[in-house]
Amino acid sequence: MTPSARNIKKLPKSVTSNQELIEDAMVCGCLRAQVIMTKTISLARWVKIQCQYGCPHYANRYTCPPSAPTLDEMSDLLMDYERALVIQADQAQRVREIVVALEGKFRTKGYHKAFGLCALPCDLCEVCTVETQCKYPELARPTLQACGIDVPKTIGNTGWEFGTFSQPCSESQPFGLVLLQ
């Protein structure tokens, strides 16, 4: 086997496969999408502190801390994935709908571990049933920030302009991602 043949085997999925994932995202209504390596997802402890001290959804939503995966759990989880599809929607409220749709689509394509995260806390119920049991576990997804993901830095790592950072989980962050393996 030639050295170049060995290197090809170590590359992630083909560009054609990445392009197909991006096209799927665009069909679902994304403004843009990009496949990234999970090692470019930035985790930071300060992100969860902003959730705890400053967000009215803290401890009031199933998709927010302390119910969401901890930073350490997210760090471990990212080790189970090689790539992620980062998306930008036209409206932050559509991100959950899009990542859930993409999860399902990608699972049918063989990405059985596909899992999405959203920019905003869940709004499926008027009053969240966080203390009992989620009524919509098939639709609710944790927020990027709840899991300790530094959204501005992660988006910057894609090469995209982030714009103005106002506050975590704000309408100014119409982003999401789907973890892929």
N, C-alpha and C. Protein backbone atom coordinates (compact mmCIF):
# COMPACT_ATOMS: atom_id res chain seq x y z
N MET A 1 0.85 -1.18 0.00
CA MET A 1 0.00 0.00 0.00
C MET A 1 0.90 1.24 0.00
N THR A 2 0.58 2.18 -0.84
CA THR A 2 1.37 3.41 -0.92
C THR A 2 1.04 4.32 0.25
N PRO A 3 1.96 5.23 0.61
CA PRO A 3 1.68 6.16 1.72
C PRO A 3 0.42 6.98 1.48
N SER A 4 0.18 7.38 0.24
CA SER A 4 -1.02 8.20 -0.03
C SER A 4 -2.30 7.39 0.17
N ALA A 5 -2.27 6.10 -0.14
CA ALA A 5 -3.46 5.25 0.07
C ALA A 5 -3.77 5.11 1.55
N ARG A 6 -2.72 4.99 2.38
CA ARG A 6 -2.95 4.91 3.83
C ARG A 6 -3.57 6.20 4.36
N ASN A 7 -3.12 7.34 3.86
CA ASN A 7 -3.65 8.63 4.30
C ASN A 7 -5.11 8.80 3.94
N ILE A 8 -5.51 8.29 2.81
CA ILE A 8 -6.91 8.42 2.38
C ILE A 8 -7.82 7.71 3.37
N LYS A 9 -7.42 6.58 3.86
CA LYS A 9 -8.24 5.83 4.81
C LYS A 9 -8.42 6.60 6.12
N LYS A 10 -7.49 7.48 6.47
CA LYS A 10 -7.57 8.21 7.72
C LYS A 10 -8.38 9.50 7.60
N LEU A 11 -8.73 9.88 6.41
CA LEU A 11 -9.52 11.10 6.22
C LEU A 11 -10.95 10.88 6.68
N PRO A 12 -11.63 11.95 7.11
CA PRO A 12 -13.05 11.81 7.42
C PRO A 12 -13.84 11.50 6.16
N LYS A 13 -15.14 11.38 6.29
CA LYS A 13 -16.00 11.08 5.15
C LYS A 13 -15.64 11.96 3.97
N SER A 14 -15.98 11.50 2.79
CA SER A 14 -15.60 12.22 1.57
C SER A 14 -16.29 13.58 1.48
N VAL A 15 -15.70 14.44 0.68
CA VAL A 15 -16.27 15.77 0.46
C VAL A 15 -17.67 15.63 -0.12
N THR A 16 -17.87 14.64 -0.96
CA THR A 16 -19.19 14.41 -1.53
C THR A 16 -20.21 14.15 -0.42
N SER A 17 -19.83 13.35 0.56
CA SER A 17 -20.72 13.07 1.69
C SER A 17 -20.98 14.34 2.49
N ASN A 18 -19.93 15.14 2.73
CA ASN A 18 -20.12 16.40 3.45
C ASN A 18 -21.05 17.32 2.67
N GLN A 19 -20.87 17.39 1.37
CA GLN A 19 -21.72 18.25 0.55
C GLN A 19 -23.17 17.79 0.60
N GLU A 20 -23.38 16.50 0.63
CA GLU A 20 -24.74 15.96 0.73
C GLU A 20 -25.40 16.38 2.06
N LEU A 21 -24.63 16.34 3.14
CA LEU A 21 -25.15 16.76 4.44
C LEU A 21 -25.53 18.25 4.41
N ILE A 22 -24.69 19.05 3.80
CA ILE A 22 -24.96 20.49 3.68
C ILE A 22 -26.21 20.73 2.84
N GLU A 23 -26.34 20.00 1.75
CA GLU A 23 -27.53 20.14 0.90
C GLU A 23 -28.79 19.74 1.66
N ASP A 24 -28.72 18.69 2.46
CA ASP A 24 -29.86 18.29 3.28
C ASP A 24 -30.27 19.43 4.21
N ALA A 25 -29.29 20.09 4.80
CA ALA A 25 -29.57 21.22 5.71
C ALA A 25 -30.22 22.37 4.94
N MET A 26 -29.75 22.64 3.76
CA MET A 26 -30.31 23.74 2.97
C MET A 26 -31.76 23.43 2.59
N VAL A 27 -32.06 22.19 2.26
CA VAL A 27 -33.43 21.78 1.94
C VAL A 27 -34.34 21.97 3.15
N CYS A 28 -33.80 21.79 4.36
CA CYS A 28 -34.59 21.96 5.59
C CYS A 28 -34.80 23.43 5.95
N GLY A 29 -34.19 24.34 5.21
CA GLY A 29 -34.42 25.76 5.45
C GLY A 29 -33.28 26.52 6.07
N CYS A 30 -32.08 25.96 6.08
CA CYS A 30 -30.93 26.68 6.65
C CYS A 30 -30.45 27.76 5.68
N LEU A 31 -29.94 28.83 6.27
CA LEU A 31 -29.30 29.87 5.46
C LEU A 31 -27.92 29.40 5.02
N ARG A 32 -27.25 28.69 5.93
CA ARG A 32 -25.97 28.10 5.60
C ARG A 32 -25.69 26.96 6.55
N ALA A 33 -24.78 26.10 6.13
CA ALA A 33 -24.41 24.92 6.91
C ALA A 33 -22.97 24.56 6.57
N GLN A 34 -22.30 23.97 7.55
CA GLN A 34 -20.91 23.58 7.33
C GLN A 34 -20.58 22.37 8.20
N VAL A 35 -19.89 21.41 7.62
CA VAL A 35 -19.42 20.25 8.37
C VAL A 35 -18.09 20.63 9.00
N ILE A 36 -17.99 20.38 10.30
CA ILE A 36 -16.75 20.69 11.04
C ILE A 36 -16.30 19.45 11.81
N MET A 37 -15.07 19.47 12.22
CA MET A 37 -14.56 18.43 13.10
C MET A 37 -14.98 18.81 14.52
N THR A 38 -15.38 17.84 15.32
CA THR A 38 -15.85 18.16 16.67
C THR A 38 -14.76 18.78 17.54
N LYS A 39 -13.50 18.55 17.20
CA LYS A 39 -12.43 19.16 18.00
C LYS A 39 -12.41 20.68 17.85
N THR A 40 -13.15 21.23 16.89
CA THR A 40 -13.23 22.69 16.74
C THR A 40 -14.40 23.29 17.52
N ILE A 41 -15.17 22.44 18.21
CA ILE A 41 -16.25 22.94 19.07
C ILE A 41 -15.61 23.38 20.38
N SER A 42 -15.81 24.64 20.71
CA SER A 42 -15.18 25.22 21.90
C SER A 42 -16.08 25.07 23.13
N LEU A 43 -15.53 24.49 24.18
CA LEU A 43 -16.24 24.36 25.45
C LEU A 43 -15.60 25.32 26.45
N ALA A 44 -16.44 25.93 27.30
CA ALA A 44 -15.92 26.86 28.30
C ALA A 44 -16.83 26.87 29.52
N ARG A 45 -16.24 26.88 30.69
CA ARG A 45 -17.01 26.86 31.94
C ARG A 45 -17.81 28.15 32.14
N TRP A 46 -17.31 29.28 31.64
CA TRP A 46 -18.01 30.55 31.84
C TRP A 46 -19.39 30.55 31.20
N VAL A 47 -19.60 29.73 30.18
CA VAL A 47 -20.88 29.72 29.48
C VAL A 47 -22.00 29.26 30.41
N LYS A 48 -21.76 28.21 31.17
CA LYS A 48 -22.78 27.71 32.09
C LYS A 48 -23.01 28.67 33.26
N ILE A 49 -21.99 29.42 33.64
CA ILE A 49 -22.15 30.42 34.70
C ILE A 49 -23.13 31.50 34.22
N GLN A 50 -23.02 31.87 32.96
CA GLN A 50 -23.97 32.86 32.42
C GLN A 50 -25.40 32.32 32.42
N CYS A 51 -25.54 31.01 32.23
CA CYS A 51 -26.87 30.40 32.33
C CYS A 51 -27.40 30.52 33.76
N GLN A 52 -26.56 30.13 34.70
CA GLN A 52 -26.98 30.10 36.10
C GLN A 52 -27.26 31.49 36.66
N TYR A 53 -26.44 32.45 36.28
CA TYR A 53 -26.58 33.80 36.81
C TYR A 53 -26.92 34.76 35.69
N GLY A 54 -28.19 34.79 35.35
CA GLY A 54 -28.61 35.74 34.33
C GLY A 54 -29.68 35.25 33.39
N CYS A 55 -29.95 33.97 33.36
CA CYS A 55 -30.97 33.46 32.44
C CYS A 55 -32.20 33.02 33.22
N PRO A 56 -33.37 33.51 32.84
CA PRO A 56 -34.59 33.13 33.54
C PRO A 56 -35.00 31.67 33.32
N HIS A 57 -34.39 31.00 32.36
CA HIS A 57 -34.74 29.61 32.08
C HIS A 57 -33.95 28.61 32.91
N TYR A 58 -32.91 29.09 33.59
CA TYR A 58 -32.10 28.19 34.41
C TYR A 58 -32.99 27.46 35.41
N ALA A 59 -32.88 26.13 35.41
CA ALA A 59 -33.65 25.23 36.30
C ALA A 59 -35.14 25.24 36.02
N ASN A 60 -35.57 25.92 34.95
CA ASN A 60 -36.98 25.97 34.61
C ASN A 60 -37.31 25.31 33.28
N ARG A 61 -36.30 24.81 32.59
CA ARG A 61 -36.49 24.15 31.31
C ARG A 61 -35.68 22.86 31.29
N TYR A 62 -36.27 21.84 30.72
CA TYR A 62 -35.61 20.53 30.60
C TYR A 62 -34.35 20.63 29.75
N THR A 63 -34.29 21.60 28.85
CA THR A 63 -33.17 21.76 27.93
C THR A 63 -32.08 22.66 28.48
N CYS A 64 -32.23 23.12 29.71
CA CYS A 64 -31.29 24.05 30.33
C CYS A 64 -30.66 23.41 31.57
N PRO A 65 -29.56 24.01 32.06
CA PRO A 65 -28.98 23.51 33.31
C PRO A 65 -29.97 23.66 34.46
N PRO A 66 -29.94 22.80 35.41
CA PRO A 66 -29.04 21.69 35.61
C PRO A 66 -29.49 20.39 34.93
N SER A 67 -30.58 20.41 34.16
CA SER A 67 -31.07 19.20 33.50
C SER A 67 -30.25 18.82 32.28
N ALA A 68 -29.66 19.78 31.61
CA ALA A 68 -28.88 19.53 30.40
C ALA A 68 -27.56 18.84 30.76
N PRO A 69 -26.92 18.21 29.78
CA PRO A 69 -25.61 17.60 30.05
C PRO A 69 -24.63 18.64 30.62
N THR A 70 -23.82 18.20 31.56
CA THR A 70 -22.81 19.10 32.13
C THR A 70 -21.69 19.32 31.12
N LEU A 71 -20.84 20.27 31.42
CA LEU A 71 -19.69 20.54 30.56
C LEU A 71 -18.81 19.29 30.43
N ASP A 72 -18.58 18.60 31.55
CA ASP A 72 -17.76 17.39 31.51
C ASP A 72 -18.45 16.29 30.70
N GLU A 73 -19.76 16.14 30.85
CA GLU A 73 -20.49 15.16 30.05
C GLU A 73 -20.42 15.50 28.57
N MET A 74 -20.53 16.80 28.23
CA MET A 74 -20.45 17.20 26.84
C MET A 74 -19.06 16.95 26.29
N SER A 75 -18.04 17.22 27.08
CA SER A 75 -16.67 16.96 26.66
C SER A 75 -16.48 15.48 26.34
N ASP A 76 -16.99 14.61 27.21
CA ASP A 76 -16.91 13.17 26.98
C ASP A 76 -17.73 12.77 25.76
N LEU A 77 -18.91 13.34 25.62
CA LEU A 77 -19.79 13.03 24.49
C LEU A 77 -19.13 13.39 23.16
N LEU A 78 -18.49 14.53 23.11
CA LEU A 78 -17.84 14.96 21.86
C LEU A 78 -16.75 13.98 21.43
N MET A 79 -16.18 13.24 22.36
CA MET A 79 -15.16 12.25 22.02
C MET A 79 -15.76 11.08 21.25
N ASP A 80 -17.08 10.88 21.36
CA ASP A 80 -17.76 9.81 20.62
C ASP A 80 -18.10 10.21 19.19
N TYR A 81 -17.85 11.46 18.83
CA TYR A 81 -18.19 11.97 17.50
C TYR A 81 -16.95 12.56 16.83
N GLU A 82 -16.91 12.44 15.53
CA GLU A 82 -15.80 12.99 14.77
C GLU A 82 -16.16 14.31 14.10
N ARG A 83 -17.42 14.40 13.67
CA ARG A 83 -17.85 15.58 12.92
C ARG A 83 -19.17 16.11 13.46
N ALA A 84 -19.46 17.33 13.05
CA ALA A 84 -20.75 17.95 13.36
C ALA A 84 -21.14 18.83 12.19
N LEU A 85 -22.41 18.99 12.01
CA LEU A 85 -22.93 19.91 11.00
C LEU A 85 -23.42 21.14 11.75
N VAL A 86 -22.78 22.28 11.52
CA VAL A 86 -23.21 23.54 12.12
C VAL A 86 -24.19 24.18 11.16
N ILE A 87 -25.30 24.69 11.69
CA ILE A 87 -26.30 25.32 10.84
C ILE A 87 -26.63 26.73 11.33
N GLN A 88 -27.06 27.54 10.40
CA GLN A 88 -27.62 28.84 10.73
C GLN A 88 -28.99 28.89 10.07
N ALA A 89 -30.00 29.16 10.88
CA ALA A 89 -31.37 29.26 10.38
C ALA A 89 -31.72 30.73 10.15
N ASP A 90 -32.84 30.95 9.47
CA ASP A 90 -33.29 32.32 9.24
C ASP A 90 -33.83 32.94 10.52
N GLN A 91 -34.35 32.11 11.41
CA GLN A 91 -34.89 32.57 12.69
C GLN A 91 -34.45 31.59 13.78
N ALA A 92 -34.08 32.11 14.94
CA ALA A 92 -33.63 31.25 16.04
C ALA A 92 -34.70 30.24 16.44
N GLN A 93 -35.98 30.61 16.33
CA GLN A 93 -37.06 29.72 16.73
C GLN A 93 -37.15 28.47 15.84
N ARG A 94 -36.57 28.50 14.66
CA ARG A 94 -36.65 27.36 13.73
C ARG A 94 -35.51 26.36 13.94
N VAL A 95 -34.52 26.72 14.74
CA VAL A 95 -33.34 25.86 14.87
C VAL A 95 -33.72 24.49 15.40
N ARG A 96 -34.51 24.42 16.45
CA ARG A 96 -34.89 23.11 17.02
C ARG A 96 -35.58 22.26 15.98
N GLU A 97 -36.53 22.83 15.29
CA GLU A 97 -37.27 22.11 14.25
C GLU A 97 -36.30 21.56 13.19
N ILE A 98 -35.34 22.36 12.79
CA ILE A 98 -34.39 21.95 11.76
C ILE A 98 -33.45 20.86 12.26
N VAL A 99 -32.87 21.02 13.46
CA VAL A 99 -31.92 19.99 13.92
C VAL A 99 -32.62 18.66 14.19
N VAL A 100 -33.86 18.70 14.66
CA VAL A 100 -34.60 17.45 14.87
C VAL A 100 -34.88 16.77 13.52
N ALA A 101 -35.25 17.56 12.52
CA ALA A 101 -35.49 17.00 11.19
C ALA A 101 -34.20 16.42 10.60
N LEU A 102 -33.10 17.13 10.77
CA LEU A 102 -31.83 16.64 10.25
C LEU A 102 -31.37 15.38 10.98
N GLU A 103 -31.57 15.33 12.29
CA GLU A 103 -31.25 14.11 13.04
C GLU A 103 -31.92 12.90 12.41
N GLY A 104 -33.23 13.02 12.20
CA GLY A 104 -33.99 11.92 11.62
C GLY A 104 -33.49 11.55 10.23
N LYS A 105 -33.25 12.55 9.41
CA LYS A 105 -32.77 12.32 8.05
C LYS A 105 -31.40 11.64 8.07
N PHE A 106 -30.51 12.11 8.93
CA PHE A 106 -29.17 11.55 8.97
C PHE A 106 -29.17 10.13 9.53
N ARG A 107 -30.05 9.84 10.45
CA ARG A 107 -30.13 8.47 10.98
C ARG A 107 -30.53 7.50 9.88
N THR A 108 -31.43 7.91 8.99
CA THR A 108 -31.82 7.03 7.89
C THR A 108 -30.68 6.84 6.89
N LYS A 109 -29.69 7.73 6.94
CA LYS A 109 -28.53 7.62 6.05
C LYS A 109 -27.37 6.88 6.71
N GLY A 110 -27.61 6.32 7.88
CA GLY A 110 -26.57 5.53 8.53
C GLY A 110 -25.84 6.21 9.67
N TYR A 111 -26.16 7.46 9.96
CA TYR A 111 -25.54 8.16 11.09
C TYR A 111 -26.41 7.90 12.33
N HIS A 112 -26.36 6.69 12.85
CA HIS A 112 -27.28 6.27 13.91
C HIS A 112 -27.08 7.03 15.22
N LYS A 113 -25.95 7.70 15.40
CA LYS A 113 -25.72 8.46 16.63
C LYS A 113 -26.00 9.95 16.47
N ALA A 114 -26.61 10.36 15.36
CA ALA A 114 -26.87 11.78 15.11
C ALA A 114 -27.64 12.38 16.30
N PHE A 115 -27.18 13.56 16.75
CA PHE A 115 -27.82 14.24 17.87
C PHE A 115 -27.65 15.74 17.71
N GLY A 116 -28.76 16.46 17.85
CA GLY A 116 -28.75 17.90 17.63
C GLY A 116 -28.83 18.72 18.91
N LEU A 117 -28.31 19.93 18.81
CA LEU A 117 -28.40 20.91 19.89
C LEU A 117 -28.86 22.21 19.26
N CYS A 118 -29.53 23.03 20.07
CA CYS A 118 -30.18 24.24 19.56
C CYS A 118 -29.65 25.50 20.22
N ALA A 119 -30.03 26.62 19.63
CA ALA A 119 -29.60 27.92 20.15
C ALA A 119 -30.47 28.43 21.28
N LEU A 120 -31.73 28.10 21.27
CA LEU A 120 -32.66 28.64 22.26
C LEU A 120 -33.25 27.54 23.15
N PRO A 121 -33.64 27.90 24.38
CA PRO A 121 -34.32 26.93 25.23
C PRO A 121 -35.63 26.45 24.59
N CYS A 122 -36.03 25.29 24.96
CA CYS A 122 -37.26 24.70 24.43
C CYS A 122 -38.46 25.58 24.77
N ASP A 123 -39.39 25.67 23.84
CA ASP A 123 -40.61 26.43 24.06
C ASP A 123 -41.84 25.61 23.68
N LEU A 124 -41.71 24.29 23.73
CA LEU A 124 -42.82 23.42 23.33
C LEU A 124 -44.00 23.47 24.30
N CYS A 125 -43.72 23.69 25.58
CA CYS A 125 -44.78 23.77 26.58
C CYS A 125 -44.83 25.18 27.15
N GLU A 126 -46.03 25.64 27.46
CA GLU A 126 -46.16 26.96 28.09
C GLU A 126 -45.44 26.97 29.44
N VAL A 127 -45.66 25.92 30.22
CA VAL A 127 -44.95 25.72 31.48
C VAL A 127 -44.23 24.38 31.36
N CYS A 128 -42.92 24.42 31.47
CA CYS A 128 -42.11 23.20 31.31
C CYS A 128 -42.40 22.22 32.45
N THR A 129 -42.41 20.96 32.08
CA THR A 129 -42.65 19.89 33.06
C THR A 129 -41.33 19.30 33.56
N VAL A 130 -40.32 20.16 33.69
CA VAL A 130 -38.97 19.73 34.05
C VAL A 130 -38.94 18.93 35.35
N GLU A 131 -39.82 19.20 36.27
CA GLU A 131 -39.81 18.49 37.55
C GLU A 131 -40.46 17.12 37.49
N THR A 132 -41.21 16.85 36.45
CA THR A 132 -41.84 15.54 36.31
C THR A 132 -41.18 14.78 35.18
N GLN A 133 -41.73 14.91 34.00
CA GLN A 133 -41.16 14.24 32.84
C GLN A 133 -41.47 15.07 31.60
N CYS A 134 -40.50 15.18 30.71
CA CYS A 134 -40.68 15.95 29.48
C CYS A 134 -41.81 15.34 28.65
N LYS A 135 -42.73 16.19 28.20
CA LYS A 135 -43.84 15.73 27.37
C LYS A 135 -43.41 15.45 25.93
N TYR A 136 -42.30 16.06 25.50
CA TYR A 136 -41.86 15.96 24.11
C TYR A 136 -40.37 15.61 24.01
N PRO A 137 -39.94 14.49 24.60
CA PRO A 137 -38.51 14.16 24.55
C PRO A 137 -38.00 13.93 23.13
N GLU A 138 -38.88 13.58 22.22
CA GLU A 138 -38.46 13.37 20.83
C GLU A 138 -38.19 14.69 20.11
N LEU A 139 -38.63 15.80 20.70
CA LEU A 139 -38.45 17.12 20.07
C LEU A 139 -37.55 18.06 20.87
N ALA A 140 -37.50 17.90 22.18
CA ALA A 140 -36.70 18.80 23.03
C ALA A 140 -35.21 18.48 22.86
N ARG A 141 -34.41 19.51 22.72
CA ARG A 141 -32.96 19.35 22.59
C ARG A 141 -32.28 20.37 23.48
N PRO A 142 -31.17 20.00 24.12
CA PRO A 142 -30.47 20.96 24.98
C PRO A 142 -29.91 22.12 24.17
N THR A 143 -29.77 23.24 24.84
CA THR A 143 -29.16 24.38 24.16
C THR A 143 -27.65 24.19 24.11
N LEU A 144 -27.06 24.79 23.12
CA LEU A 144 -25.60 24.76 22.98
C LEU A 144 -24.95 25.30 24.24
N GLN A 145 -25.46 26.43 24.72
CA GLN A 145 -24.89 27.09 25.89
C GLN A 145 -25.07 26.25 27.15
N ALA A 146 -26.22 25.59 27.29
CA ALA A 146 -26.48 24.76 28.47
C ALA A 146 -25.45 23.66 28.62
N CYS A 147 -24.89 23.22 27.50
CA CYS A 147 -23.88 22.16 27.51
C CYS A 147 -22.47 22.71 27.59
N GLY A 148 -22.35 24.03 27.75
CA GLY A 148 -21.04 24.65 27.90
C GLY A 148 -20.35 25.00 26.59
N ILE A 149 -21.10 25.01 25.50
CA ILE A 149 -20.49 25.34 24.20
C ILE A 149 -20.41 26.85 24.06
N ASP A 150 -19.21 27.32 23.81
CA ASP A 150 -18.95 28.74 23.57
C ASP A 150 -19.37 29.02 22.12
N VAL A 151 -20.59 29.51 21.95
CA VAL A 151 -21.16 29.68 20.62
C VAL A 151 -20.36 30.69 19.78
N PRO A 152 -20.06 31.89 20.29
CA PRO A 152 -19.29 32.82 19.44
C PRO A 152 -17.96 32.24 18.95
N LYS A 153 -17.24 31.56 19.84
CA LYS A 153 -15.94 31.01 19.44
C LYS A 153 -16.11 29.85 18.47
N THR A 154 -17.08 28.98 18.73
CA THR A 154 -17.32 27.84 17.83
C THR A 154 -17.73 28.33 16.45
N ILE A 155 -18.62 29.31 16.39
CA ILE A 155 -19.04 29.86 15.09
C ILE A 155 -17.85 30.53 14.42
N GLY A 156 -17.05 31.24 15.19
CA GLY A 156 -15.84 31.86 14.64
C GLY A 156 -14.87 30.82 14.09
N ASN A 157 -14.82 29.64 14.72
CA ASN A 157 -13.94 28.57 14.24
C ASN A 157 -14.36 28.05 12.87
N THR A 158 -15.61 28.28 12.50
CA THR A 158 -16.07 27.85 11.17
C THR A 158 -15.62 28.81 10.08
N GLY A 159 -15.21 30.02 10.51
CA GLY A 159 -14.87 31.06 9.54
C GLY A 159 -16.02 32.00 9.28
N TRP A 160 -17.17 31.72 9.90
CA TRP A 160 -18.33 32.59 9.73
C TRP A 160 -18.20 33.80 10.64
N GLU A 161 -18.81 34.89 10.23
CA GLU A 161 -18.94 36.07 11.09
C GLU A 161 -20.04 35.77 12.09
N PHE A 162 -19.79 36.05 13.35
CA PHE A 162 -20.80 35.79 14.37
C PHE A 162 -21.75 36.97 14.55
N GLY A 163 -21.29 38.16 14.33
CA GLY A 163 -22.12 39.33 14.57
C GLY A 163 -21.95 39.79 16.00
N THR A 164 -22.94 40.47 16.50
CA THR A 164 -22.88 41.02 17.84
C THR A 164 -23.33 39.99 18.86
N PHE A 165 -22.51 39.80 19.89
CA PHE A 165 -22.88 38.88 20.96
C PHE A 165 -23.68 39.67 21.99
N SER A 166 -24.95 39.37 22.12
CA SER A 166 -25.76 40.10 23.09
C SER A 166 -25.83 39.34 24.41
N GLN A 167 -26.35 38.14 24.38
CA GLN A 167 -26.42 37.29 25.56
C GLN A 167 -26.68 35.86 25.10
N PRO A 168 -26.32 34.88 25.92
CA PRO A 168 -26.57 33.49 25.53
C PRO A 168 -28.06 33.26 25.31
N CYS A 169 -28.35 32.34 24.44
CA CYS A 169 -29.74 31.94 24.15
C CYS A 169 -30.60 33.10 23.68
N SER A 170 -30.05 34.01 22.92
CA SER A 170 -30.83 35.14 22.44
C SER A 170 -31.23 34.95 20.98
N GLU A 171 -32.18 35.74 20.55
CA GLU A 171 -32.66 35.69 19.17
C GLU A 171 -31.53 35.97 18.18
N SER A 172 -30.44 36.57 18.65
CA SER A 172 -29.32 36.90 17.76
C SER A 172 -28.47 35.67 17.44
N GLN A 173 -28.83 34.52 17.98
CA GLN A 173 -28.04 33.31 17.77
C GLN A 173 -28.87 32.21 17.10
N PRO A 174 -29.15 32.35 15.82
CA PRO A 174 -29.96 31.33 15.13
C PRO A 174 -29.13 30.13 14.68
N PHE A 175 -28.33 29.58 15.61
CA PHE A 175 -27.41 28.50 15.27
C PHE A 175 -27.81 27.20 15.97
N GLY A 176 -27.35 26.12 15.40
CA GLY A 176 -27.51 24.81 15.99
C GLY A 176 -26.44 23.91 15.43
N LEU A 177 -26.39 22.70 15.93
CA LEU A 177 -25.47 21.74 15.33
C LEU A 177 -26.01 20.34 15.52
N VAL A 178 -25.59 19.47 14.63
CA VAL A 178 -25.95 18.05 14.70
C VAL A 178 -24.65 17.28 14.76
N LEU A 179 -24.46 16.56 15.84
CA LEU A 179 -23.28 15.71 15.99
C LEU A 179 -23.46 14.47 15.11
N LEU A 180 -22.37 14.07 14.44
CA LEU A 180 -22.45 12.98 13.47
C LEU A 180 -21.37 11.95 13.70
N GLN A 181 -21.74 10.68 13.58
CA GLN A 181 -20.77 9.60 13.58
C GLN A 181 -21.38 8.43 12.87
